[in-house]
Amino acid sequence: MTPQSVVQRQLDAYNAHDIDALMATYADDVEHFEFPSTLVASGAAQVRERLCARLLEPNLHARLLGRTAMGNLVIDHELVTRDFPEGPGTVELIAMYEVQGEKIVRAWFKFGDIRMGKPQQS
């Protein structure tokens, strides 16, 4: 299994709102960071808690805009549709995943501006 296929499984599980399949892609000691270095979750239990809350959003969907991989690092450029407190919208993000074996061990997320309203179809 390649790092890209691990990250694709993670994205597919996220879009399916399948928390068990999603967590199967993460190592027990996974760390999530808001780019560049703010730790937002440490360990599978904290990551699960954060993701469970997010997966409750019925319109949640991440559209892959591009992917780059080098060695065990995979960088995704995504447009995420979300249900924000103000209403539906999108946020562009860059996610960088460090993969060891068949598990994501670290992930960094850089968020762009929130755009309110339904996403444009392309």
PDB file of N, CA and C in Angstrom:
ATOM      1  N   MET A   1       0.857  -1.181   0.000  1.00  0.00           N
ATOM      2  CA  MET A   1       0.000   0.000   0.000  1.00  0.00           C
ATOM      3  C   MET A   1       0.902   1.243   0.000  1.00  0.00           C
ATOM      4  N   THR A   2       0.625   2.167  -0.894  1.00  0.00           N
ATOM      5  CA  THR A   2       1.421   3.384  -1.002  1.00  0.00           C
ATOM      6  C   THR A   2       0.885   4.461  -0.051  1.00  0.00           C
ATOM      7  N   PRO A   3       1.717   5.455   0.284  1.00  0.00           N
ATOM      8  CA  PRO A   3       1.207   6.568   1.089  1.00  0.00           C
ATOM      9  C   PRO A   3      -0.018   7.231   0.432  1.00  0.00           C
ATOM     10  N   GLN A   4      -0.007   7.359  -0.899  1.00  0.00           N
ATOM     11  CA  GLN A   4      -1.142   7.968  -1.595  1.00  0.00           C
ATOM     12  C   GLN A   4      -2.420   7.146  -1.400  1.00  0.00           C
ATOM     13  N   SER A   5      -2.308   5.818  -1.433  1.00  0.00           N
ATOM     14  CA  SER A   5      -3.506   4.994  -1.269  1.00  0.00           C
ATOM     15  C   SER A   5      -4.030   5.057   0.161  1.00  0.00           C
ATOM     16  N   VAL A   6      -3.143   5.201   1.147  1.00  0.00           N
ATOM     17  CA  VAL A   6      -3.582   5.372   2.536  1.00  0.00           C
ATOM     18  C   VAL A   6      -4.369   6.672   2.672  1.00  0.00           C
ATOM     19  N   VAL A   7      -3.842   7.746   2.101  1.00  0.00           N
ATOM     20  CA  VAL A   7      -4.516   9.047   2.182  1.00  0.00           C
ATOM     21  C   VAL A   7      -5.826   9.014   1.401  1.00  0.00           C
ATOM     22  N   GLN A   8      -5.881   8.306   0.285  1.00  0.00           N
ATOM     23  CA  GLN A   8      -7.131   8.200  -0.463  1.00  0.00           C
ATOM     24  C   GLN A   8      -8.179   7.440   0.343  1.00  0.00           C
ATOM     25  N   ARG A   9      -7.767   6.372   1.032  1.00  0.00           N
ATOM     26  CA  ARG A   9      -8.708   5.651   1.908  1.00  0.00           C
ATOM     27  C   ARG A   9      -9.248   6.579   2.986  1.00  0.00           C
ATOM     28  N   GLN A  10      -8.373   7.432   3.535  1.00  0.00           N
ATOM     29  CA  GLN A  10      -8.779   8.391   4.561  1.00  0.00           C
ATOM     30  C   GLN A  10      -9.810   9.361   3.989  1.00  0.00           C
ATOM     31  N   LEU A  11      -9.547   9.889   2.810  1.00  0.00           N
ATOM     32  CA  LEU A  11     -10.478  10.834   2.178  1.00  0.00           C
ATOM     33  C   LEU A  11     -11.814  10.165   1.861  1.00  0.00           C
ATOM     34  N   ASP A  12     -11.771   8.953   1.350  1.00  0.00           N
ATOM     35  CA  ASP A  12     -13.010   8.232   1.030  1.00  0.00           C
ATOM     36  C   ASP A  12     -13.842   7.986   2.291  1.00  0.00           C
ATOM     37  N   ALA A  13     -13.196   7.598   3.385  1.00  0.00           N
ATOM     38  CA  ALA A  13     -13.913   7.361   4.640  1.00  0.00           C
ATOM     39  C   ALA A  13     -14.498   8.653   5.190  1.00  0.00           C
ATOM     40  N   TYR A  14     -13.752   9.751   5.079  1.00  0.00           N
ATOM     41  CA  TYR A  14     -14.225  11.071   5.510  1.00  0.00           C
ATOM     42  C   TYR A  14     -15.492  11.434   4.746  1.00  0.00           C
ATOM     43  N   ASN A  15     -15.455  11.279   3.438  1.00  0.00           N
ATOM     44  CA  ASN A  15     -16.618  11.634   2.622  1.00  0.00           C
ATOM     45  C   ASN A  15     -17.795  10.688   2.822  1.00  0.00           C
ATOM     46  N   ALA A  16     -17.528   9.462   3.246  1.00  0.00           N
ATOM     47  CA  ALA A  16     -18.594   8.503   3.550  1.00  0.00           C
ATOM     48  C   ALA A  16     -19.132   8.681   4.971  1.00  0.00           C
ATOM     49  N   HIS A  17     -18.506   9.581   5.744  1.00  0.00           N
ATOM     50  CA  HIS A  17     -18.874   9.818   7.146  1.00  0.00           C
ATOM     51  C   HIS A  17     -18.754   8.521   7.949  1.00  0.00           C
ATOM     52  N   ASP A  18     -17.737   7.720   7.644  1.00  0.00           N
ATOM     53  CA  ASP A  18     -17.521   6.420   8.279  1.00  0.00           C
ATOM     54  C   ASP A  18     -16.358   6.551   9.270  1.00  0.00           C
ATOM     55  N   ILE A  19     -16.681   6.809  10.536  1.00  0.00           N
ATOM     56  CA  ILE A  19     -15.648   7.085  11.535  1.00  0.00           C
ATOM     57  C   ILE A  19     -14.731   5.887  11.755  1.00  0.00           C
ATOM     58  N   ASP A  20     -15.264   4.667  11.717  1.00  0.00           N
ATOM     59  CA  ASP A  20     -14.406   3.506  11.952  1.00  0.00           C
ATOM     60  C   ASP A  20     -13.408   3.316  10.813  1.00  0.00           C
ATOM     61  N   ALA A  21     -13.854   3.440   9.576  1.00  0.00           N
ATOM     62  CA  ALA A  21     -12.944   3.332   8.426  1.00  0.00           C
ATOM     63  C   ALA A  21     -11.935   4.474   8.445  1.00  0.00           C
ATOM     64  N   LEU A  22     -12.382   5.651   8.841  1.00  0.00           N
ATOM     65  CA  LEU A  22     -11.502   6.810   8.911  1.00  0.00           C
ATOM     66  C   LEU A  22     -10.408   6.588   9.959  1.00  0.00           C
ATOM     67  N   MET A  23     -10.793   6.154  11.135  1.00  0.00           N
ATOM     68  CA  MET A  23      -9.816   5.942  12.200  1.00  0.00           C
ATOM     69  C   MET A  23      -8.866   4.789  11.881  1.00  0.00           C
ATOM     70  N   ALA A  24      -9.277   3.852  11.045  1.00  0.00           N
ATOM     71  CA  ALA A  24      -8.406   2.739  10.648  1.00  0.00           C
ATOM     72  C   ALA A  24      -7.210   3.226   9.834  1.00  0.00           C
ATOM     73  N   THR A  25      -7.276   4.443   9.314  1.00  0.00           N
ATOM     74  CA  THR A  25      -6.157   4.984   8.538  1.00  0.00           C
ATOM     75  C   THR A  25      -5.135   5.698   9.416  1.00  0.00           C
ATOM     76  N   TYR A  26      -5.456   5.901  10.697  1.00  0.00           N
ATOM     77  CA  TYR A  26      -4.588   6.643  11.607  1.00  0.00           C
ATOM     78  C   TYR A  26      -3.870   5.725  12.591  1.00  0.00           C
ATOM     79  N   ALA A  27      -2.629   6.059  12.920  1.00  0.00           N
ATOM     80  CA  ALA A  27      -1.876   5.362  13.958  1.00  0.00           C
ATOM     81  C   ALA A  27      -2.459   5.697  15.328  1.00  0.00           C
ATOM     82  N   ASP A  28      -2.231   4.832  16.288  1.00  0.00           N
ATOM     83  CA  ASP A  28      -2.732   5.070  17.653  1.00  0.00           C
ATOM     84  C   ASP A  28      -2.174   6.359  18.241  1.00  0.00           C
ATOM     85  N   ASP A  29      -0.936   6.707  17.886  1.00  0.00           N
ATOM     86  CA  ASP A  29      -0.297   7.908  18.434  1.00  0.00           C
ATOM     87  C   ASP A  29      -0.288   9.069  17.434  1.00  0.00           C
ATOM     88  N   VAL A  30      -1.257   9.108  16.540  1.00  0.00           N
ATOM     89  CA  VAL A  30      -1.364  10.155  15.526  1.00  0.00           C
ATOM     90  C   VAL A  30      -1.421  11.543  16.170  1.00  0.00           C
ATOM     91  N   GLU A  31      -0.892  12.510  15.444  1.00  0.00           N
ATOM     92  CA  GLU A  31      -0.962  13.906  15.882  1.00  0.00           C
ATOM     93  C   GLU A  31      -1.535  14.745  14.739  1.00  0.00           C
ATOM     94  N   HIS A  32      -2.456  15.643  15.076  1.00  0.00           N
ATOM     95  CA  HIS A  32      -3.014  16.616  14.131  1.00  0.00           C
ATOM     96  C   HIS A  32      -2.561  18.003  14.537  1.00  0.00           C
ATOM     97  N   PHE A  33      -2.118  18.771  13.551  1.00  0.00           N
ATOM     98  CA  PHE A  33      -1.640  20.126  13.788  1.00  0.00           C
ATOM     99  C   PHE A  33      -2.385  21.108  12.891  1.00  0.00           C
ATOM    100  N   GLU A  34      -2.656  22.288  13.437  1.00  0.00           N
ATOM    101  CA  GLU A  34      -3.025  23.414  12.591  1.00  0.00           C
ATOM    102  C   GLU A  34      -1.693  24.002  12.154  1.00  0.00           C
ATOM    103  N   PHE A  35      -1.500  24.113  10.845  1.00  0.00           N
ATOM    104  CA  PHE A  35      -0.211  24.525  10.294  1.00  0.00           C
ATOM    105  C   PHE A  35       0.227  25.866  10.862  1.00  0.00           C
ATOM    106  N   PRO A  36       1.491  26.015  11.267  1.00  0.00           N
ATOM    107  CA  PRO A  36       2.556  25.043  11.074  1.00  0.00           C
ATOM    108  C   PRO A  36       2.785  24.113  12.262  1.00  0.00           C
ATOM    109  N   SER A  37       2.449  24.533  13.485  1.00  0.00           N
ATOM    110  CA  SER A  37       2.889  23.706  14.615  1.00  0.00           C
ATOM    111  C   SER A  37       1.960  23.722  15.821  1.00  0.00           C
ATOM    112  N   THR A  38       0.702  24.129  15.655  1.00  0.00           N
ATOM    113  CA  THR A  38      -0.229  24.140  16.775  1.00  0.00           C
ATOM    114  C   THR A  38      -0.891  22.766  16.886  1.00  0.00           C
ATOM    115  N   LEU A  39      -0.537  22.022  17.924  1.00  0.00           N
ATOM    116  CA  LEU A  39      -1.100  20.689  18.134  1.00  0.00           C
ATOM    117  C   LEU A  39      -2.575  20.826  18.524  1.00  0.00           C
ATOM    118  N   VAL A  40      -3.466  20.194  17.759  1.00  0.00           N
ATOM    119  CA  VAL A  40      -4.900  20.279  18.053  1.00  0.00           C
ATOM    120  C   VAL A  40      -5.474  18.941  18.521  1.00  0.00           C
ATOM    121  N   ALA A  41      -4.760  17.846  18.263  1.00  0.00           N
ATOM    122  CA  ALA A  41      -5.197  16.538  18.748  1.00  0.00           C
ATOM    123  C   ALA A  41      -3.993  15.608  18.796  1.00  0.00           C
ATOM    124  N   SER A  42      -3.902  14.869  19.888  1.00  0.00           N
ATOM    125  CA  SER A  42      -2.795  13.934  20.072  1.00  0.00           C
ATOM    126  C   SER A  42      -3.367  12.583  20.473  1.00  0.00           C
ATOM    127  N   GLY A  43      -3.129  11.590  19.648  1.00  0.00           N
ATOM    128  CA  GLY A  43      -3.634  10.249  19.912  1.00  0.00           C
ATOM    129  C   GLY A  43      -4.966   9.999  19.238  1.00  0.00           C
ATOM    130  N   ALA A  44      -5.219   8.726  19.001  1.00  0.00           N
ATOM    131  CA  ALA A  44      -6.423   8.334  18.266  1.00  0.00           C
ATOM    132  C   ALA A  44      -7.712   8.769  18.957  1.00  0.00           C
ATOM    133  N   ALA A  45      -7.756   8.737  20.279  1.00  0.00           N
ATOM    134  CA  ALA A  45      -8.983   9.114  20.995  1.00  0.00           C
ATOM    135  C   ALA A  45      -9.337  10.577  20.752  1.00  0.00           C
ATOM    136  N   GLN A  46      -8.346  11.471  20.826  1.00  0.00           N
ATOM    137  CA  GLN A  46      -8.615  12.893  20.586  1.00  0.00           C
ATOM    138  C   GLN A  46      -8.976  13.149  19.123  1.00  0.00           C
ATOM    139  N   VAL A  47      -8.300  12.477  18.209  1.00  0.00           N
ATOM    140  CA  VAL A  47      -8.619  12.648  16.784  1.00  0.00           C
ATOM    141  C   VAL A  47     -10.034  12.151  16.516  1.00  0.00           C
ATOM    142  N   ARG A  48     -10.394  11.004  17.081  1.00  0.00           N
ATOM    143  CA  ARG A  48     -11.752  10.467  16.904  1.00  0.00           C
ATOM    144  C   ARG A  48     -12.791  11.465  17.409  1.00  0.00           C
ATOM    145  N   GLU A  49     -12.567  12.030  18.580  1.00  0.00           N
ATOM    146  CA  GLU A  49     -13.507  12.987  19.157  1.00  0.00           C
ATOM    147  C   GLU A  49     -13.718  14.184  18.225  1.00  0.00           C
ATOM    148  N   ARG A  50     -12.615  14.726  17.705  1.00  0.00           N
ATOM    149  CA  ARG A  50     -12.713  15.876  16.790  1.00  0.00           C
ATOM    150  C   ARG A  50     -13.436  15.494  15.498  1.00  0.00           C
ATOM    151  N   LEU A  51     -13.105  14.335  14.958  1.00  0.00           N
ATOM    152  CA  LEU A  51     -13.706  13.926  13.692  1.00  0.00           C
ATOM    153  C   LEU A  51     -15.175  13.533  13.848  1.00  0.00           C
ATOM    154  N   CYS A  52     -15.535  12.912  14.957  1.00  0.00           N
ATOM    155  CA  CYS A  52     -16.946  12.557  15.188  1.00  0.00           C
ATOM    156  C   CYS A  52     -17.821  13.806  15.148  1.00  0.00           C
ATOM    157  N   ALA A  53     -17.364  14.873  15.781  1.00  0.00           N
ATOM    158  CA  ALA A  53     -18.129  16.123  15.770  1.00  0.00           C
ATOM    159  C   ALA A  53     -18.269  16.651  14.347  1.00  0.00           C
ATOM    160  N   ARG A  54     -17.199  16.596  13.580  1.00  0.00           N
ATOM    161  CA  ARG A  54     -17.232  17.102  12.205  1.00  0.00           C
ATOM    162  C   ARG A  54     -18.141  16.260  11.322  1.00  0.00           C
ATOM    163  N   LEU A  55     -18.105  14.942  11.499  1.00  0.00           N
ATOM    164  CA  LEU A  55     -18.878  14.043  10.643  1.00  0.00           C
ATOM    165  C   LEU A  55     -20.379  14.149  10.879  1.00  0.00           C
ATOM    166  N   LEU A  56     -20.792  14.844  11.939  1.00  0.00           N
ATOM    167  CA  LEU A  56     -22.226  15.066  12.176  1.00  0.00           C
ATOM    168  C   LEU A  56     -22.820  16.061  11.184  1.00  0.00           C
ATOM    169  N   GLU A  57     -21.967  16.831  10.511  1.00  0.00           N
ATOM    170  CA  GLU A  57     -22.456  17.810   9.538  1.00  0.00           C
ATOM    171  C   GLU A  57     -22.954  17.067   8.297  1.00  0.00           C
ATOM    172  N   PRO A  58     -24.253  17.169   7.984  1.00  0.00           N
ATOM    173  CA  PRO A  58     -24.800  16.381   6.875  1.00  0.00           C
ATOM    174  C   PRO A  58     -24.227  16.749   5.505  1.00  0.00           C
ATOM    175  N   ASN A  59     -23.797  17.982   5.317  1.00  0.00           N
ATOM    176  CA  ASN A  59     -23.287  18.408   4.012  1.00  0.00           C
ATOM    177  C   ASN A  59     -21.773  18.294   3.886  1.00  0.00           C
ATOM    178  N   LEU A  60     -21.109  17.752   4.904  1.00  0.00           N
ATOM    179  CA  LEU A  60     -19.656  17.659   4.895  1.00  0.00           C
ATOM    180  C   LEU A  60     -19.164  16.836   3.708  1.00  0.00           C
ATOM    181  N   HIS A  61     -18.264  17.432   2.933  1.00  0.00           N
ATOM    182  CA  HIS A  61     -17.672  16.731   1.792  1.00  0.00           C
ATOM    183  C   HIS A  61     -16.386  17.447   1.397  1.00  0.00           C
ATOM    184  N   ALA A  62     -15.328  16.669   1.180  1.00  0.00           N
ATOM    185  CA  ALA A  62     -14.054  17.221   0.736  1.00  0.00           C
ATOM    186  C   ALA A  62     -13.829  16.833  -0.721  1.00  0.00           C
ATOM    187  N   ARG A  63     -13.661  17.851  -1.561  1.00  0.00           N
ATOM    188  CA  ARG A  63     -13.380  17.613  -2.982  1.00  0.00           C
ATOM    189  C   ARG A  63     -11.883  17.811  -3.207  1.00  0.00           C
ATOM    190  N   LEU A  64     -11.236  16.773  -3.684  1.00  0.00           N
ATOM    191  CA  LEU A  64      -9.806  16.825  -3.944  1.00  0.00           C
ATOM    192  C   LEU A  64      -9.547  17.668  -5.186  1.00  0.00           C
ATOM    193  N   LEU A  65      -8.752  18.729  -5.015  1.00  0.00           N
ATOM    194  CA  LEU A  65      -8.385  19.600  -6.134  1.00  0.00           C
ATOM    195  C   LEU A  65      -7.037  19.212  -6.720  1.00  0.00           C
ATOM    196  N   GLY A  66      -6.183  18.617  -5.885  1.00  0.00           N
ATOM    197  CA  GLY A  66      -4.872  18.191  -6.345  1.00  0.00           C
ATOM    198  C   GLY A  66      -4.150  17.415  -5.266  1.00  0.00           C
ATOM    199  N   ARG A  67      -3.214  16.576  -5.687  1.00  0.00           N
ATOM    200  CA  ARG A  67      -2.439  15.772  -4.731  1.00  0.00           C
ATOM    201  C   ARG A  67      -1.001  15.712  -5.214  1.00  0.00           C
ATOM    202  N   THR A  68      -0.080  15.869  -4.271  1.00  0.00           N
ATOM    203  CA  THR A  68       1.349  15.757  -4.531  1.00  0.00           C
ATOM    204  C   THR A  68       1.922  14.805  -3.491  1.00  0.00           C
ATOM    205  N   ALA A  69       2.815  13.931  -3.925  1.00  0.00           N
ATOM    206  CA  ALA A  69       3.437  13.006  -2.987  1.00  0.00           C
ATOM    207  C   ALA A  69       4.934  12.966  -3.229  1.00  0.00           C
ATOM    208  N   MET A  70       5.675  12.848  -2.118  1.00  0.00           N
ATOM    209  CA  MET A  70       7.114  12.657  -2.182  1.00  0.00           C
ATOM    210  C   MET A  70       7.484  11.773  -1.001  1.00  0.00           C
ATOM    211  N   GLY A  71       7.966  10.585  -1.307  1.00  0.00           N
ATOM    212  CA  GLY A  71       8.283   9.649  -0.239  1.00  0.00           C
ATOM    213  C   GLY A  71       7.043   9.336   0.576  1.00  0.00           C
ATOM    214  N   ASN A  72       7.151   9.506   1.902  1.00  0.00           N
ATOM    215  CA  ASN A  72       6.021   9.185   2.773  1.00  0.00           C
ATOM    216  C   ASN A  72       5.148  10.403   3.106  1.00  0.00           C
ATOM    217  N   LEU A  73       5.350  11.525   2.383  1.00  0.00           N
ATOM    218  CA  LEU A  73       4.517  12.720   2.588  1.00  0.00           C
ATOM    219  C   LEU A  73       3.545  12.871   1.430  1.00  0.00           C
ATOM    220  N   VAL A  74       2.301  13.128   1.772  1.00  0.00           N
ATOM    221  CA  VAL A  74       1.253  13.346   0.778  1.00  0.00           C
ATOM    222  C   VAL A  74       0.594  14.675   1.103  1.00  0.00           C
ATOM    223  N   ILE A  75       0.488  15.541   0.098  1.00  0.00           N
ATOM    224  CA  ILE A  75      -0.124  16.857   0.285  1.00  0.00           C
ATOM    225  C   ILE A  75      -1.361  16.942  -0.591  1.00  0.00           C
ATOM    226  N   ASP A  76      -2.498  17.170   0.043  1.00  0.00           N
ATOM    227  CA  ASP A  76      -3.769  17.325  -0.668  1.00  0.00           C
ATOM    228  C   ASP A  76      -4.212  18.783  -0.627  1.00  0.00           C
ATOM    229  N   HIS A  77      -4.730  19.248  -1.744  1.00  0.00           N
ATOM    230  CA  HIS A  77      -5.377  20.556  -1.853  1.00  0.00           C
ATOM    231  C   HIS A  77      -6.855  20.229  -2.019  1.00  0.00           C
ATOM    232  N   GLU A  78      -7.691  20.714  -1.098  1.00  0.00           N
ATOM    233  CA  GLU A  78      -9.101  20.334  -1.073  1.00  0.00           C
ATOM    234  C   GLU A  78     -10.010  21.554  -0.954  1.00  0.00           C
ATOM    235  N   LEU A  79     -11.233  21.364  -1.393  1.00  0.00           N
ATOM    236  CA  LEU A  79     -12.305  22.308  -1.143  1.00  0.00           C
ATOM    237  C   LEU A  79     -13.335  21.556  -0.314  1.00  0.00           C
ATOM    238  N   VAL A  80     -13.527  22.006   0.926  1.00  0.00           N
ATOM    239  CA  VAL A  80     -14.389  21.298   1.867  1.00  0.00           C
ATOM    240  C   VAL A  80     -15.696  22.061   2.032  1.00  0.00           C
ATOM    241  N   THR A  81     -16.795  21.367   1.773  1.00  0.00           N
ATOM    242  CA  THR A  81     -18.128  21.906   2.023  1.00  0.00           C
ATOM    243  C   THR A  81     -18.486  21.566   3.461  1.00  0.00           C
ATOM    244  N   ARG A  82     -18.946  22.585   4.193  1.00  0.00           N
ATOM    245  CA  ARG A  82     -19.238  22.431   5.615  1.00  0.00           C
ATOM    246  C   ARG A  82     -20.540  23.122   5.969  1.00  0.00           C
ATOM    247  N   ASP A  83     -21.047  22.781   7.134  1.00  0.00           N
ATOM    248  CA  ASP A  83     -22.180  23.470   7.732  1.00  0.00           C
ATOM    249  C   ASP A  83     -21.630  24.314   8.875  1.00  0.00           C
ATOM    250  N   PHE A  84     -21.326  25.568   8.583  1.00  0.00           N
ATOM    251  CA  PHE A  84     -20.797  26.492   9.580  1.00  0.00           C
ATOM    252  C   PHE A  84     -21.942  27.026  10.431  1.00  0.00           C
ATOM    253  N   PRO A  85     -21.661  27.581  11.615  1.00  0.00           N
ATOM    254  CA  PRO A  85     -22.735  28.163  12.435  1.00  0.00           C
ATOM    255  C   PRO A  85     -23.551  29.214  11.673  1.00  0.00           C
ATOM    256  N   GLU A  86     -22.903  29.915  10.734  1.00  0.00           N
ATOM    257  CA  GLU A  86     -23.584  30.954   9.954  1.00  0.00           C
ATOM    258  C   GLU A  86     -24.368  30.387   8.774  1.00  0.00           C
ATOM    259  N   GLY A  87     -24.165  29.098   8.472  1.00  0.00           N
ATOM    260  CA  GLY A  87     -24.846  28.467   7.351  1.00  0.00           C
ATOM    261  C   GLY A  87     -23.873  27.671   6.500  1.00  0.00           C
ATOM    262  N   PRO A  88     -24.351  27.143   5.361  1.00  0.00           N
ATOM    263  CA  PRO A  88     -23.493  26.333   4.510  1.00  0.00           C
ATOM    264  C   PRO A  88     -22.422  27.175   3.821  1.00  0.00           C
ATOM    265  N   GLY A  89     -21.272  26.547   3.622  1.00  0.00           N
ATOM    266  CA  GLY A  89     -20.183  27.244   2.947  1.00  0.00           C
ATOM    267  C   GLY A  89     -19.064  26.286   2.617  1.00  0.00           C
ATOM    268  N   THR A  90     -17.971  26.858   2.135  1.00  0.00           N
ATOM    269  CA  THR A  90     -16.799  26.062   1.789  1.00  0.00           C
ATOM    270  C   THR A  90     -15.554  26.707   2.383  1.00  0.00           C
ATOM    271  N   VAL A  91     -14.541  25.880   2.533  1.00  0.00           N
ATOM    272  CA  VAL A  91     -13.239  26.355   2.961  1.00  0.00           C
ATOM    273  C   VAL A  91     -12.196  25.572   2.174  1.00  0.00           C
ATOM    274  N   GLU A  92     -11.249  26.296   1.618  1.00  0.00           N
ATOM    275  CA  GLU A  92     -10.144  25.668   0.915  1.00  0.00           C
ATOM    276  C   GLU A  92      -9.101  25.281   1.946  1.00  0.00           C
ATOM    277  N   LEU A  93      -8.443  24.153   1.747  1.00  0.00           N
ATOM    278  CA  LEU A  93      -7.404  23.772   2.691  1.00  0.00           C
ATOM    279  C   LEU A  93      -6.320  22.965   2.012  1.00  0.00           C
ATOM    280  N   ILE A  94      -5.175  23.024   2.652  1.00  0.00           N
ATOM    281  CA  ILE A  94      -4.040  22.174   2.301  1.00  0.00           C
ATOM    282  C   ILE A  94      -3.852  21.228   3.485  1.00  0.00           C
ATOM    283  N   ALA A  95      -3.800  19.937   3.211  1.00  0.00           N
ATOM    284  CA  ALA A  95      -3.561  18.940   4.242  1.00  0.00           C
ATOM    285  C   ALA A  95      -2.293  18.176   3.870  1.00  0.00           C
ATOM    286  N   MET A  96      -1.376  18.083   4.816  1.00  0.00           N
ATOM    287  CA  MET A  96      -0.147  17.327   4.588  1.00  0.00           C
ATOM    288  C   MET A  96      -0.132  16.156   5.559  1.00  0.00           C
ATOM    289  N   TYR A  97       0.040  14.961   5.002  1.00  0.00           N
ATOM    290  CA  TYR A  97       0.003  13.729   5.790  1.00  0.00           C
ATOM    291  C   TYR A  97       1.361  13.044   5.756  1.00  0.00           C
ATOM    292  N   GLU A  98       1.833  12.630   6.920  1.00  0.00           N
ATOM    293  CA  GLU A  98       3.020  11.798   7.022  1.00  0.00           C
ATOM    294  C   GLU A  98       2.548  10.373   7.280  1.00  0.00           C
ATOM    295  N   VAL A  99       2.922   9.476   6.387  1.00  0.00           N
ATOM    296  CA  VAL A  99       2.459   8.090   6.448  1.00  0.00           C
ATOM    297  C   VAL A  99       3.634   7.178   6.791  1.00  0.00           C
ATOM    298  N   GLN A 100       3.406   6.278   7.731  1.00  0.00           N
ATOM    299  CA  GLN A 100       4.387   5.238   8.050  1.00  0.00           C
ATOM    300  C   GLN A 100       3.668   3.904   7.947  1.00  0.00           C
ATOM    301  N   GLY A 101       4.187   3.039   7.091  1.00  0.00           N
ATOM    302  CA  GLY A 101       3.512   1.762   6.856  1.00  0.00           C
ATOM    303  C   GLY A 101       2.176   2.028   6.196  1.00  0.00           C
ATOM    304  N   GLU A 102       1.123   1.589   6.842  1.00  0.00           N
ATOM    305  CA  GLU A 102      -0.231   1.780   6.303  1.00  0.00           C
ATOM    306  C   GLU A 102      -1.062   2.735   7.163  1.00  0.00           C
ATOM    307  N   LYS A 103      -0.380   3.600   7.927  1.00  0.00           N
ATOM    308  CA  LYS A 103      -1.078   4.498   8.843  1.00  0.00           C
ATOM    309  C   LYS A 103      -0.564   5.927   8.719  1.00  0.00           C
ATOM    310  N   ILE A 104      -1.467   6.869   8.914  1.00  0.00           N
ATOM    311  CA  ILE A 104      -1.100   8.279   8.993  1.00  0.00           C
ATOM    312  C   ILE A 104      -0.642   8.541  10.424  1.00  0.00           C
ATOM    313  N   VAL A 105       0.580   9.079  10.563  1.00  0.00           N
ATOM    314  CA  VAL A 105       1.122   9.320  11.901  1.00  0.00           C
ATOM    315  C   VAL A 105       1.071  10.793  12.302  1.00  0.00           C
ATOM    316  N   ARG A 106       1.083  11.684  11.313  1.00  0.00           N
ATOM    317  CA  ARG A 106       0.977  13.122  11.567  1.00  0.00           C
ATOM    318  C   ARG A 106       0.243  13.764  10.401  1.00  0.00           C
ATOM    319  N   ALA A 107      -0.504  14.816  10.737  1.00  0.00           N
ATOM    320  CA  ALA A 107      -1.199  15.583   9.697  1.00  0.00           C
ATOM    321  C   ALA A 107      -1.192  17.053  10.081  1.00  0.00           C
ATOM    322  N   TRP A 108      -0.961  17.893   9.078  1.00  0.00           N
ATOM    323  CA  TRP A 108      -0.975  19.347   9.249  1.00  0.00           C
ATOM    324  C   TRP A 108      -2.049  19.912   8.331  1.00  0.00           C
ATOM    325  N   PHE A 109      -2.798  20.899   8.825  1.00  0.00           N
ATOM    326  CA  PHE A 109      -3.893  21.488   8.059  1.00  0.00           C
ATOM    327  C   PHE A 109      -3.735  22.997   8.012  1.00  0.00           C
ATOM    328  N   LYS A 110      -3.772  23.546   6.815  1.00  0.00           N
ATOM    329  CA  LYS A 110      -3.707  24.996   6.588  1.00  0.00           C
ATOM    330  C   LYS A 110      -5.026  25.398   5.926  1.00  0.00           C
ATOM    331  N   PHE A 111      -5.810  26.215   6.622  1.00  0.00           N
ATOM    332  CA  PHE A 111      -7.131  26.606   6.157  1.00  0.00           C
ATOM    333  C   PHE A 111      -7.087  27.950   5.455  1.00  0.00           C
ATOM    334  N   GLY A 112      -7.851  28.053   4.382  1.00  0.00           N
ATOM    335  CA  GLY A 112      -8.020  29.305   3.677  1.00  0.00           C
ATOM    336  C   GLY A 112      -9.249  30.028   4.193  1.00  0.00           C
ATOM    337  N   ASP A 113      -9.731  30.961   3.401  1.00  0.00           N
ATOM    338  CA  ASP A 113     -10.900  31.748   3.781  1.00  0.00           C
ATOM    339  C   ASP A 113     -12.180  30.936   3.629  1.00  0.00           C
ATOM    340  N   ILE A 114     -13.124  31.190   4.512  1.00  0.00           N
ATOM    341  CA  ILE A 114     -14.452  30.588   4.429  1.00  0.00           C
ATOM    342  C   ILE A 114     -15.275  31.386   3.435  1.00  0.00           C
ATOM    343  N   ARG A 115     -15.963  30.668   2.569  1.00  0.00           N
ATOM    344  CA  ARG A 115     -16.895  31.303   1.617  1.00  0.00           C
ATOM    345  C   ARG A 115     -18.284  30.762   1.908  1.00  0.00           C
ATOM    346  N   MET A 116     -19.189  31.661   2.221  1.00  0.00           N
ATOM    347  CA  MET A 116     -20.551  31.244   2.544  1.00  0.00           C
ATOM    348  C   MET A 116     -21.322  30.956   1.255  1.00  0.00           C
ATOM    349  N   GLY A 117     -22.281  30.039   1.345  1.00  0.00           N
ATOM    350  CA  GLY A 117     -23.099  29.663   0.198  1.00  0.00           C
ATOM    351  C   GLY A 117     -22.686  28.315  -0.338  1.00  0.00           C
ATOM    352  N   LYS A 118     -23.475  27.833  -1.267  1.00  0.00           N
ATOM    353  CA  LYS A 118     -23.216  26.534  -1.903  1.00  0.00           C
ATOM    354  C   LYS A 118     -21.974  26.637  -2.787  1.00  0.00           C
ATOM    355  N   PRO A 119     -21.205  25.539  -2.878  1.00  0.00           N
ATOM    356  CA  PRO A 119     -20.006  25.584  -3.726  1.00  0.00           C
ATOM    357  C   PRO A 119     -20.360  25.656  -5.201  1.00  0.00           C
ATOM    358  N   GLN A 120     -19.473  26.283  -5.971  1.00  0.00           N
ATOM    359  CA  GLN A 120     -19.624  26.327  -7.419  1.00  0.00           C
ATOM    360  C   GLN A 120     -19.276  24.952  -7.984  1.00  0.00           C
ATOM    361  N   GLN A 121     -20.025  24.473  -8.930  1.00  0.00           N
ATOM    362  CA  GLN A 121     -19.715  23.206  -9.594  1.00  0.00           C
ATOM    363  C   GLN A 121     -18.702  23.443 -10.696  1.00  0.00           C
ATOM    364  N   SER A 122     -17.738  22.521 -10.814  1.00  0.00           N
ATOM    365  CA  SER A 122     -16.757  22.666 -11.896  1.00  0.00           C
ATOM    366  C   SER A 122     -16.665  21.416 -12.716  1.00  0.00           C
TER     367      SER A 122
END
